[in-house]
Amino acid sequence: MRKYLCNLRTDKNKTQQEVATMLGISRQYYNMIENGERQKKLDMTMAKKLADIFGVTLEFIYDHEREAS
């Protein structure tokens, strides 16, 4: 589970649907990413988009990805 993504999302007062729309994916797919059911390792494009959406660095995303795996 990628609890850090859920925390970032709720800290920004965004719904899963809002984040999914910003990423250009379905809410269901984003839900699977947040729950660790899809994309065992985030690709660079997705990680960069998430960093931009949540206002964090790419390094922050990758550090938390390492902890989640």
PDB file of N, CA and C in Angstrom:
ATOM      1  N   MET A   1       0.843  -1.188   0.000  1.00  0.00           N
ATOM      2  CA  MET A   1       0.000   0.000   0.000  1.00  0.00           C
ATOM      3  C   MET A   1       0.884   1.246   0.000  1.00  0.00           C
ATOM      4  N   ARG A   2       0.469   2.223  -0.741  1.00  0.00           N
ATOM      5  CA  ARG A   2       1.206   3.483  -0.812  1.00  0.00           C
ATOM      6  C   ARG A   2       0.484   4.528   0.042  1.00  0.00           C
ATOM      7  N   LYS A   3       0.604   4.348   1.340  1.00  0.00           N
ATOM      8  CA  LYS A   3      -0.075   5.239   2.288  1.00  0.00           C
ATOM      9  C   LYS A   3       0.362   6.686   2.080  1.00  0.00           C
ATOM     10  N   TYR A   4       1.609   6.884   1.686  1.00  0.00           N
ATOM     11  CA  TYR A   4       2.089   8.247   1.496  1.00  0.00           C
ATOM     12  C   TYR A   4       1.311   8.958   0.396  1.00  0.00           C
ATOM     13  N   LEU A   5       0.885   8.244  -0.651  1.00  0.00           N
ATOM     14  CA  LEU A   5       0.084   8.867  -1.704  1.00  0.00           C
ATOM     15  C   LEU A   5      -1.278   9.292  -1.169  1.00  0.00           C
ATOM     16  N   CYS A   6      -1.880   8.455  -0.374  1.00  0.00           N
ATOM     17  CA  CYS A   6      -3.168   8.785   0.238  1.00  0.00           C
ATOM     18  C   CYS A   6      -3.010  10.011   1.142  1.00  0.00           C
ATOM     19  N   ASN A   7      -1.938  10.036   1.922  1.00  0.00           N
ATOM     20  CA  ASN A   7      -1.700  11.181   2.817  1.00  0.00           C
ATOM     21  C   ASN A   7      -1.472  12.463   2.027  1.00  0.00           C
ATOM     22  N   LEU A   8      -0.670  12.395   0.963  1.00  0.00           N
ATOM     23  CA  LEU A   8      -0.439  13.578   0.130  1.00  0.00           C
ATOM     24  C   LEU A   8      -1.747  14.072  -0.473  1.00  0.00           C
ATOM     25  N   ARG A   9      -2.536  13.131  -0.967  1.00  0.00           N
ATOM     26  CA  ARG A   9      -3.803  13.486  -1.608  1.00  0.00           C
ATOM     27  C   ARG A   9      -4.748  14.155  -0.625  1.00  0.00           C
ATOM     28  N   THR A  10      -4.889  13.584   0.567  1.00  0.00           N
ATOM     29  CA  THR A  10      -5.815  14.159   1.540  1.00  0.00           C
ATOM     30  C   THR A  10      -5.287  15.491   2.084  1.00  0.00           C
ATOM     31  N   ASP A  11      -3.959  15.616   2.212  1.00  0.00           N
ATOM     32  CA  ASP A  11      -3.377  16.898   2.643  1.00  0.00           C
ATOM     33  C   ASP A  11      -3.688  18.013   1.651  1.00  0.00           C
ATOM     34  N   LYS A  12      -3.805  17.661   0.376  1.00  0.00           N
ATOM     35  CA  LYS A  12      -4.122  18.636  -0.674  1.00  0.00           C
ATOM     36  C   LYS A  12      -5.628  18.760  -0.912  1.00  0.00           C
ATOM     37  N   ASN A  13      -6.419  18.082  -0.080  1.00  0.00           N
ATOM     38  CA  ASN A  13      -7.884  18.098  -0.198  1.00  0.00           C
ATOM     39  C   ASN A  13      -8.352  17.697  -1.593  1.00  0.00           C
ATOM     40  N   LYS A  14      -7.730  16.651  -2.128  1.00  0.00           N
ATOM     41  CA  LYS A  14      -8.100  16.152  -3.448  1.00  0.00           C
ATOM     42  C   LYS A  14      -8.738  14.779  -3.310  1.00  0.00           C
ATOM     43  N   THR A  15      -9.682  14.513  -4.195  1.00  0.00           N
ATOM     44  CA  THR A  15     -10.284  13.184  -4.248  1.00  0.00           C
ATOM     45  C   THR A  15      -9.447  12.306  -5.169  1.00  0.00           C
ATOM     46  N   GLN A  16      -9.674  11.017  -5.090  1.00  0.00           N
ATOM     47  CA  GLN A  16      -9.005  10.117  -6.024  1.00  0.00           C
ATOM     48  C   GLN A  16      -9.389  10.475  -7.453  1.00  0.00           C
ATOM     49  N   GLN A  17     -10.634  10.863  -7.672  1.00  0.00           N
ATOM     50  CA  GLN A  17     -11.087  11.225  -9.013  1.00  0.00           C
ATOM     51  C   GLN A  17     -10.328  12.442  -9.539  1.00  0.00           C
ATOM     52  N   GLU A  18     -10.134  13.432  -8.689  1.00  0.00           N
ATOM     53  CA  GLU A  18      -9.412  14.633  -9.118  1.00  0.00           C
ATOM     54  C   GLU A  18      -7.972  14.307  -9.512  1.00  0.00           C
ATOM     55  N   VAL A  19      -7.305  13.508  -8.698  1.00  0.00           N
ATOM     56  CA  VAL A  19      -5.921  13.134  -9.003  1.00  0.00           C
ATOM     57  C   VAL A  19      -5.874  12.292 -10.271  1.00  0.00           C
ATOM     58  N   ALA A  20      -6.780  11.345 -10.380  1.00  0.00           N
ATOM     59  CA  ALA A  20      -6.822  10.491 -11.574  1.00  0.00           C
ATOM     60  C   ALA A  20      -7.022  11.319 -12.836  1.00  0.00           C
ATOM     61  N   THR A  21      -7.910  12.295 -12.788  1.00  0.00           N
ATOM     62  CA  THR A  21      -8.159  13.162 -13.945  1.00  0.00           C
ATOM     63  C   THR A  21      -6.894  13.932 -14.301  1.00  0.00           C
ATOM     64  N   MET A  22      -6.189  14.428 -13.300  1.00  0.00           N
ATOM     65  CA  MET A  22      -4.946  15.159 -13.548  1.00  0.00           C
ATOM     66  C   MET A  22      -3.876  14.260 -14.160  1.00  0.00           C
ATOM     67  N   LEU A  23      -3.910  12.979 -13.817  1.00  0.00           N
ATOM     68  CA  LEU A  23      -2.944  12.016 -14.348  1.00  0.00           C
ATOM     69  C   LEU A  23      -3.376  11.460 -15.705  1.00  0.00           C
ATOM     70  N   GLY A  24      -4.650  11.647 -16.040  1.00  0.00           N
ATOM     71  CA  GLY A  24      -5.162  11.111 -17.298  1.00  0.00           C
ATOM     72  C   GLY A  24      -5.467   9.627 -17.238  1.00  0.00           C
ATOM     73  N   ILE A  25      -5.845   9.164 -16.041  1.00  0.00           N
ATOM     74  CA  ILE A  25      -6.197   7.755 -15.853  1.00  0.00           C
ATOM     75  C   ILE A  25      -7.546   7.677 -15.149  1.00  0.00           C
ATOM     76  N   SER A  26      -8.104   6.479 -15.050  1.00  0.00           N
ATOM     77  CA  SER A  26      -9.386   6.320 -14.368  1.00  0.00           C
ATOM     78  C   SER A  26      -9.190   6.359 -12.852  1.00  0.00           C
ATOM     79  N   ARG A  27     -10.268   6.687 -12.137  1.00  0.00           N
ATOM     80  CA  ARG A  27     -10.221   6.680 -10.675  1.00  0.00           C
ATOM     81  C   ARG A  27      -9.909   5.281 -10.168  1.00  0.00           C
ATOM     82  N   GLN A  28     -10.471   4.277 -10.830  1.00  0.00           N
ATOM     83  CA  GLN A  28     -10.242   2.892 -10.414  1.00  0.00           C
ATOM     84  C   GLN A  28      -8.757   2.530 -10.515  1.00  0.00           C
ATOM     85  N   TYR A  29      -8.124   2.976 -11.604  1.00  0.00           N
ATOM     86  CA  TYR A  29      -6.697   2.678 -11.771  1.00  0.00           C
ATOM     87  C   TYR A  29      -5.874   3.423 -10.725  1.00  0.00           C
ATOM     88  N   TYR A  30      -6.214   4.683 -10.464  1.00  0.00           N
ATOM     89  CA  TYR A  30      -5.491   5.420  -9.434  1.00  0.00           C
ATOM     90  C   TYR A  30      -5.671   4.744  -8.075  1.00  0.00           C
ATOM     91  N   ASN A  31      -6.866   4.299  -7.783  1.00  0.00           N
ATOM     92  CA  ASN A  31      -7.137   3.590  -6.537  1.00  0.00           C
ATOM     93  C   ASN A  31      -6.217   2.373  -6.418  1.00  0.00           C
ATOM     94  N   MET A  32      -6.051   1.640  -7.509  1.00  0.00           N
ATOM     95  CA  MET A  32      -5.172   0.474  -7.491  1.00  0.00           C
ATOM     96  C   MET A  32      -3.716   0.879  -7.253  1.00  0.00           C
ATOM     97  N   ILE A  33      -3.300   2.016  -7.823  1.00  0.00           N
ATOM     98  CA  ILE A  33      -1.936   2.497  -7.576  1.00  0.00           C
ATOM     99  C   ILE A  33      -1.770   2.838  -6.099  1.00  0.00           C
ATOM    100  N   GLU A  34      -2.730   3.576  -5.549  1.00  0.00           N
ATOM    101  CA  GLU A  34      -2.662   3.986  -4.142  1.00  0.00           C
ATOM    102  C   GLU A  34      -2.654   2.779  -3.215  1.00  0.00           C
ATOM    103  N   ASN A  35      -3.381   1.736  -3.595  1.00  0.00           N
ATOM    104  CA  ASN A  35      -3.459   0.531  -2.768  1.00  0.00           C
ATOM    105  C   ASN A  35      -2.366  -0.479  -3.065  1.00  0.00           C
ATOM    106  N   GLY A  36      -1.462  -0.146  -3.993  1.00  0.00           N
ATOM    107  CA  GLY A  36      -0.351  -1.036  -4.303  1.00  0.00           C
ATOM    108  C   GLY A  36      -0.737  -2.231  -5.145  1.00  0.00           C
ATOM    109  N   GLU A  37      -1.885  -2.178  -5.802  1.00  0.00           N
ATOM    110  CA  GLU A  37      -2.343  -3.296  -6.626  1.00  0.00           C
ATOM    111  C   GLU A  37      -1.847  -3.192  -8.063  1.00  0.00           C
ATOM    112  N   ARG A  38      -1.384  -2.028  -8.467  1.00  0.00           N
ATOM    113  CA  ARG A  38      -0.882  -1.797  -9.822  1.00  0.00           C
ATOM    114  C   ARG A  38       0.413  -1.020  -9.747  1.00  0.00           C
ATOM    115  N   GLN A  39       1.168  -1.128 -10.801  1.00  0.00           N
ATOM    116  CA  GLN A  39       2.439  -0.413 -10.924  1.00  0.00           C
ATOM    117  C   GLN A  39       3.304  -0.633  -9.694  1.00  0.00           C
ATOM    118  N   LYS A  40       3.834  -1.821  -9.598  1.00  0.00           N
ATOM    119  CA  LYS A  40       4.696  -2.135  -8.453  1.00  0.00           C
ATOM    120  C   LYS A  40       5.819  -1.116  -8.323  1.00  0.00           C
ATOM    121  N   LYS A  41       6.324  -0.630  -9.459  1.00  0.00           N
ATOM    122  CA  LYS A  41       7.301   0.460  -9.447  1.00  0.00           C
ATOM    123  C   LYS A  41       6.753   1.542 -10.364  1.00  0.00           C
ATOM    124  N   LEU A  42       6.657   2.740  -9.853  1.00  0.00           N
ATOM    125  CA  LEU A  42       6.159   3.856 -10.655  1.00  0.00           C
ATOM    126  C   LEU A  42       7.177   4.203 -11.729  1.00  0.00           C
ATOM    127  N   ASP A  43       6.692   4.404 -12.953  1.00  0.00           N
ATOM    128  CA  ASP A  43       7.613   4.854 -13.987  1.00  0.00           C
ATOM    129  C   ASP A  43       7.895   6.337 -13.797  1.00  0.00           C
ATOM    130  N   MET A  44       8.918   6.814 -14.474  1.00  0.00           N
ATOM    131  CA  MET A  44       9.377   8.197 -14.299  1.00  0.00           C
ATOM    132  C   MET A  44       8.279   9.206 -14.626  1.00  0.00           C
ATOM    133  N   THR A  45       7.520   8.972 -15.679  1.00  0.00           N
ATOM    134  CA  THR A  45       6.467   9.906 -16.080  1.00  0.00           C
ATOM    135  C   THR A  45       5.404  10.027 -15.005  1.00  0.00           C
ATOM    136  N   MET A  46       4.936   8.896 -14.484  1.00  0.00           N
ATOM    137  CA  MET A  46       3.906   8.907 -13.450  1.00  0.00           C
ATOM    138  C   MET A  46       4.440   9.546 -12.168  1.00  0.00           C
ATOM    139  N   ALA A  47       5.668   9.214 -11.793  1.00  0.00           N
ATOM    140  CA  ALA A  47       6.264   9.782 -10.586  1.00  0.00           C
ATOM    141  C   ALA A  47       6.389  11.295 -10.713  1.00  0.00           C
ATOM    142  N   LYS A  48       6.805  11.782 -11.872  1.00  0.00           N
ATOM    143  CA  LYS A  48       6.952  13.227 -12.100  1.00  0.00           C
ATOM    144  C   LYS A  48       5.601  13.920 -12.005  1.00  0.00           C
ATOM    145  N   LYS A  49       4.578  13.341 -12.609  1.00  0.00           N
ATOM    146  CA  LYS A  49       3.236  13.930 -12.549  1.00  0.00           C
ATOM    147  C   LYS A  49       2.739  13.990 -11.111  1.00  0.00           C
ATOM    148  N   LEU A  50       2.948  12.909 -10.356  1.00  0.00           N
ATOM    149  CA  LEU A  50       2.520  12.896  -8.948  1.00  0.00           C
ATOM    150  C   LEU A  50       3.259  13.956  -8.143  1.00  0.00           C
ATOM    151  N   ALA A  51       4.554  14.091  -8.371  1.00  0.00           N
ATOM    152  CA  ALA A  51       5.329  15.113  -7.666  1.00  0.00           C
ATOM    153  C   ALA A  51       4.777  16.501  -7.971  1.00  0.00           C
ATOM    154  N   ASP A  52       4.459  16.758  -9.236  1.00  0.00           N
ATOM    155  CA  ASP A  52       3.906  18.062  -9.618  1.00  0.00           C
ATOM    156  C   ASP A  52       2.537  18.301  -8.980  1.00  0.00           C
ATOM    157  N   ILE A  53       1.680  17.304  -9.018  1.00  0.00           N
ATOM    158  CA  ILE A  53       0.328  17.430  -8.461  1.00  0.00           C
ATOM    159  C   ILE A  53       0.379  17.725  -6.963  1.00  0.00           C
ATOM    160  N   PHE A  54       1.258  17.016  -6.255  1.00  0.00           N
ATOM    161  CA  PHE A  54       1.296  17.135  -4.802  1.00  0.00           C
ATOM    162  C   PHE A  54       2.300  18.176  -4.297  1.00  0.00           C
ATOM    163  N   GLY A  55       3.029  18.809  -5.216  1.00  0.00           N
ATOM    164  CA  GLY A  55       3.959  19.852  -4.815  1.00  0.00           C
ATOM    165  C   GLY A  55       5.139  19.340  -4.009  1.00  0.00           C
ATOM    166  N   VAL A  56       5.617  18.162  -4.371  1.00  0.00           N
ATOM    167  CA  VAL A  56       6.793  17.590  -3.716  1.00  0.00           C
ATOM    168  C   VAL A  56       7.847  17.320  -4.783  1.00  0.00           C
ATOM    169  N   THR A  57       9.039  16.966  -4.336  1.00  0.00           N
ATOM    170  CA  THR A  57      10.106  16.661  -5.284  1.00  0.00           C
ATOM    171  C   THR A  57       9.985  15.237  -5.797  1.00  0.00           C
ATOM    172  N   LEU A  58      10.606  15.013  -6.931  1.00  0.00           N
ATOM    173  CA  LEU A  58      10.672  13.661  -7.480  1.00  0.00           C
ATOM    174  C   LEU A  58      11.426  12.745  -6.519  1.00  0.00           C
ATOM    175  N   GLU A  59      12.435  13.301  -5.874  1.00  0.00           N
ATOM    176  CA  GLU A  59      13.197  12.532  -4.887  1.00  0.00           C
ATOM    177  C   GLU A  59      12.295  12.063  -3.738  1.00  0.00           C
ATOM    178  N   PHE A  60      11.376  12.914  -3.291  1.00  0.00           N
ATOM    179  CA  PHE A  60      10.424  12.542  -2.240  1.00  0.00           C
ATOM    180  C   PHE A  60       9.615  11.318  -2.659  1.00  0.00           C
ATOM    181  N   ILE A  61       9.102  11.353  -3.890  1.00  0.00           N
ATOM    182  CA  ILE A  61       8.308  10.224  -4.401  1.00  0.00           C
ATOM    183  C   ILE A  61       9.161   8.955  -4.419  1.00  0.00           C
ATOM    184  N   TYR A  62      10.354   9.032  -4.984  1.00  0.00           N
ATOM    185  CA  TYR A  62      11.200   7.846  -5.086  1.00  0.00           C
ATOM    186  C   TYR A  62      11.662   7.335  -3.728  1.00  0.00           C
ATOM    187  N   ASP A  63      11.946   8.213  -2.789  1.00  0.00           N
ATOM    188  CA  ASP A  63      12.305   7.769  -1.450  1.00  0.00           C
ATOM    189  C   ASP A  63      11.176   6.961  -0.823  1.00  0.00           C
ATOM    190  N   HIS A  64       9.948   7.443  -0.969  1.00  0.00           N
ATOM    191  CA  HIS A  64       8.805   6.732  -0.401  1.00  0.00           C
ATOM    192  C   HIS A  64       8.499   5.451  -1.173  1.00  0.00           C
ATOM    193  N   GLU A  65       8.768   5.441  -2.452  1.00  0.00           N
ATOM    194  CA  GLU A  65       8.589   4.216  -3.244  1.00  0.00           C
ATOM    195  C   GLU A  65       9.545   3.125  -2.764  1.00  0.00           C
ATOM    196  N   ARG A  66      10.770   3.508  -2.465  1.00  0.00           N
ATOM    197  CA  ARG A  66      11.742   2.540  -1.960  1.00  0.00           C
ATOM    198  C   ARG A  66      11.272   1.956  -0.630  1.00  0.00           C
ATOM    199  N   GLU A  67      10.718   2.799   0.215  1.00  0.00           N
ATOM    200  CA  GLU A  67      10.211   2.337   1.517  1.00  0.00           C
ATOM    201  C   GLU A  67       9.010   1.418   1.346  1.00  0.00           C
ATOM    202  N   ALA A  68       8.189   1.673   0.320  1.00  0.00           N
ATOM    203  CA  ALA A  68       6.968   0.890   0.115  1.00  0.00           C
ATOM    204  C   ALA A  68       7.260  -0.476  -0.485  1.00  0.00           C
ATOM    205  N   SER A  69       8.420  -0.620  -1.121  1.00  0.00           N
ATOM    206  CA  SER A  69       8.706  -1.920  -1.773  1.00  0.00           C
ATOM    207  C   SER A  69       9.464  -2.863  -0.901  1.00  0.00           C
TER     208      SER A  69
END
